[in-house]
N, C-alpha and C. Protein backbone atom coordinates (compact mmCIF):
# COMPACT_ATOMS: atom_id res chain seq x y z
N MET A 1 -37.04 -18.69 18.21
CA MET A 1 -36.75 -19.88 17.43
C MET A 1 -36.70 -19.49 15.95
N LYS A 2 -35.74 -20.04 15.27
CA LYS A 2 -35.62 -19.83 13.83
C LYS A 2 -36.78 -20.52 13.12
N ARG A 3 -37.29 -19.91 12.09
CA ARG A 3 -38.46 -20.47 11.39
C ARG A 3 -38.14 -21.79 10.71
N TYR A 4 -36.91 -21.97 10.24
CA TYR A 4 -36.54 -23.20 9.54
C TYR A 4 -35.09 -23.57 9.86
N GLU A 5 -34.80 -24.84 9.68
CA GLU A 5 -33.42 -25.32 9.80
C GLU A 5 -33.18 -26.33 8.69
N ILE A 6 -32.17 -26.05 7.86
CA ILE A 6 -31.81 -26.96 6.79
C ILE A 6 -30.85 -28.00 7.38
N TYR A 7 -31.31 -29.24 7.44
CA TYR A 7 -30.48 -30.31 7.99
C TYR A 7 -29.50 -30.82 6.95
N LYS A 8 -29.96 -30.90 5.69
CA LYS A 8 -29.08 -31.39 4.63
C LYS A 8 -29.48 -30.76 3.31
N HIS A 9 -28.49 -30.18 2.64
CA HIS A 9 -28.70 -29.67 1.28
C HIS A 9 -28.42 -30.83 0.34
N ILE A 10 -29.44 -31.28 -0.36
CA ILE A 10 -29.31 -32.42 -1.27
C ILE A 10 -28.71 -31.98 -2.60
N GLY A 11 -29.23 -30.88 -3.16
CA GLY A 11 -28.68 -30.39 -4.42
C GLY A 11 -29.51 -29.28 -5.04
N ALA A 12 -28.86 -28.57 -5.96
CA ALA A 12 -29.53 -27.51 -6.72
C ALA A 12 -30.10 -28.13 -7.99
N LEU A 13 -31.35 -27.81 -8.30
CA LEU A 13 -32.01 -28.35 -9.47
C LEU A 13 -31.91 -27.40 -10.66
N SER A 14 -31.90 -26.09 -10.39
CA SER A 14 -31.76 -25.09 -11.45
C SER A 14 -31.39 -23.76 -10.80
N GLN A 15 -30.95 -22.82 -11.65
CA GLN A 15 -30.63 -21.48 -11.17
C GLN A 15 -31.16 -20.46 -12.16
N SER A 16 -31.79 -19.40 -11.64
CA SER A 16 -32.32 -18.35 -12.50
C SER A 16 -31.27 -17.28 -12.73
N ASN A 17 -31.55 -16.37 -13.63
CA ASN A 17 -30.62 -15.29 -13.95
C ASN A 17 -30.40 -14.34 -12.77
N ASN A 18 -31.36 -14.26 -11.85
CA ASN A 18 -31.20 -13.37 -10.71
C ASN A 18 -30.43 -14.02 -9.55
N GLY A 19 -29.95 -15.25 -9.74
CA GLY A 19 -29.13 -15.93 -8.74
C GLY A 19 -29.89 -16.85 -7.81
N TRP A 20 -31.21 -16.82 -7.86
CA TRP A 20 -31.99 -17.73 -7.02
C TRP A 20 -31.90 -19.14 -7.58
N ARG A 21 -31.83 -20.12 -6.67
CA ARG A 21 -31.72 -21.51 -7.09
C ARG A 21 -32.90 -22.33 -6.59
N LYS A 22 -33.36 -23.23 -7.44
CA LYS A 22 -34.37 -24.21 -7.03
C LYS A 22 -33.57 -25.36 -6.42
N GLU A 23 -33.87 -25.70 -5.15
CA GLU A 23 -33.07 -26.68 -4.42
C GLU A 23 -33.94 -27.75 -3.78
N LEU A 24 -33.32 -28.91 -3.60
CA LEU A 24 -33.90 -29.99 -2.80
C LEU A 24 -33.14 -30.03 -1.49
N ASN A 25 -33.85 -29.85 -0.39
CA ASN A 25 -33.24 -29.86 0.94
C ASN A 25 -34.05 -30.74 1.88
N PHE A 26 -33.39 -31.21 2.92
CA PHE A 26 -34.05 -31.90 4.03
C PHE A 26 -34.15 -30.86 5.13
N ILE A 27 -35.37 -30.38 5.43
CA ILE A 27 -35.54 -29.17 6.22
C ILE A 27 -36.66 -29.33 7.24
N SER A 28 -36.49 -28.67 8.38
CA SER A 28 -37.51 -28.63 9.42
C SER A 28 -38.10 -27.22 9.45
N TRP A 29 -39.43 -27.13 9.45
CA TRP A 29 -40.13 -25.85 9.53
C TRP A 29 -40.77 -25.71 10.90
N GLU A 30 -40.46 -24.63 11.60
CA GLU A 30 -41.05 -24.29 12.88
C GLU A 30 -40.96 -25.43 13.90
N GLY A 31 -39.82 -26.11 13.93
CA GLY A 31 -39.56 -27.14 14.92
C GLY A 31 -40.22 -28.49 14.65
N LYS A 32 -40.88 -28.63 13.51
CA LYS A 32 -41.53 -29.91 13.18
C LYS A 32 -40.52 -30.89 12.62
N GLU A 33 -40.97 -32.13 12.41
CA GLU A 33 -40.12 -33.16 11.84
C GLU A 33 -39.60 -32.70 10.47
N PRO A 34 -38.33 -32.98 10.16
CA PRO A 34 -37.80 -32.59 8.86
C PRO A 34 -38.47 -33.34 7.71
N VAL A 35 -38.57 -32.66 6.57
CA VAL A 35 -39.15 -33.24 5.35
C VAL A 35 -38.25 -32.85 4.18
N TYR A 36 -38.40 -33.59 3.08
CA TYR A 36 -37.73 -33.20 1.84
C TYR A 36 -38.55 -32.07 1.24
N ASP A 37 -37.87 -31.05 0.75
CA ASP A 37 -38.53 -29.81 0.36
C ASP A 37 -37.88 -29.27 -0.91
N ILE A 38 -38.70 -28.93 -1.90
CA ILE A 38 -38.20 -28.31 -3.13
C ILE A 38 -38.77 -26.90 -3.20
N ARG A 39 -37.89 -25.89 -3.22
CA ARG A 39 -38.31 -24.50 -3.34
C ARG A 39 -37.13 -23.66 -3.82
N THR A 40 -37.40 -22.40 -4.17
CA THR A 40 -36.32 -21.50 -4.59
C THR A 40 -35.76 -20.76 -3.38
N TRP A 41 -34.44 -20.54 -3.41
CA TRP A 41 -33.72 -19.86 -2.33
C TRP A 41 -32.77 -18.84 -2.92
N ASN A 42 -32.52 -17.76 -2.15
CA ASN A 42 -31.44 -16.86 -2.56
C ASN A 42 -30.12 -17.50 -2.14
N ALA A 43 -29.02 -16.92 -2.54
CA ALA A 43 -27.70 -17.53 -2.31
C ALA A 43 -27.36 -17.69 -0.82
N GLU A 44 -27.87 -16.80 0.03
CA GLU A 44 -27.55 -16.84 1.46
C GLU A 44 -28.55 -17.67 2.28
N HIS A 45 -29.56 -18.21 1.63
CA HIS A 45 -30.63 -18.96 2.30
C HIS A 45 -31.34 -18.10 3.36
N THR A 46 -31.47 -16.80 3.10
CA THR A 46 -32.19 -15.91 4.01
C THR A 46 -33.58 -15.59 3.49
N GLU A 47 -33.82 -15.82 2.19
CA GLU A 47 -35.13 -15.60 1.58
C GLU A 47 -35.46 -16.82 0.74
N TYR A 48 -36.75 -17.11 0.63
CA TYR A 48 -37.18 -18.28 -0.12
C TYR A 48 -38.48 -17.99 -0.84
N GLY A 49 -38.73 -18.78 -1.86
CA GLY A 49 -39.96 -18.66 -2.64
C GLY A 49 -40.95 -19.73 -2.24
N ARG A 50 -41.97 -19.86 -3.04
CA ARG A 50 -43.02 -20.84 -2.78
C ARG A 50 -42.47 -22.27 -2.89
N VAL A 51 -43.07 -23.13 -2.11
CA VAL A 51 -42.69 -24.54 -2.16
C VAL A 51 -43.28 -25.16 -3.42
N LEU A 52 -42.49 -26.01 -4.06
CA LEU A 52 -42.99 -26.74 -5.22
C LEU A 52 -43.59 -28.07 -4.79
N ASP A 53 -42.95 -28.68 -3.80
CA ASP A 53 -43.42 -29.99 -3.34
C ASP A 53 -42.77 -30.28 -2.00
N THR A 54 -43.53 -30.78 -1.07
CA THR A 54 -42.99 -31.24 0.22
C THR A 54 -43.48 -32.66 0.41
N PHE A 55 -42.56 -33.56 0.71
CA PHE A 55 -42.94 -34.96 0.85
C PHE A 55 -42.06 -35.63 1.87
N ILE A 56 -42.50 -36.78 2.33
CA ILE A 56 -41.76 -37.54 3.37
C ILE A 56 -40.87 -38.56 2.69
């Protein structure tokens, strides 16, 4: 099973010089109910940084 599934990309909030973007997504982690999630992602969405906020 994939660790996460992005159901909806809401938008990019900022982008750093190295190409990583802080994004708001509607995402499911490890098969759980999807939540709104703010964190940094690389361009391919294969790597991610720490979560800034997760809320329902």
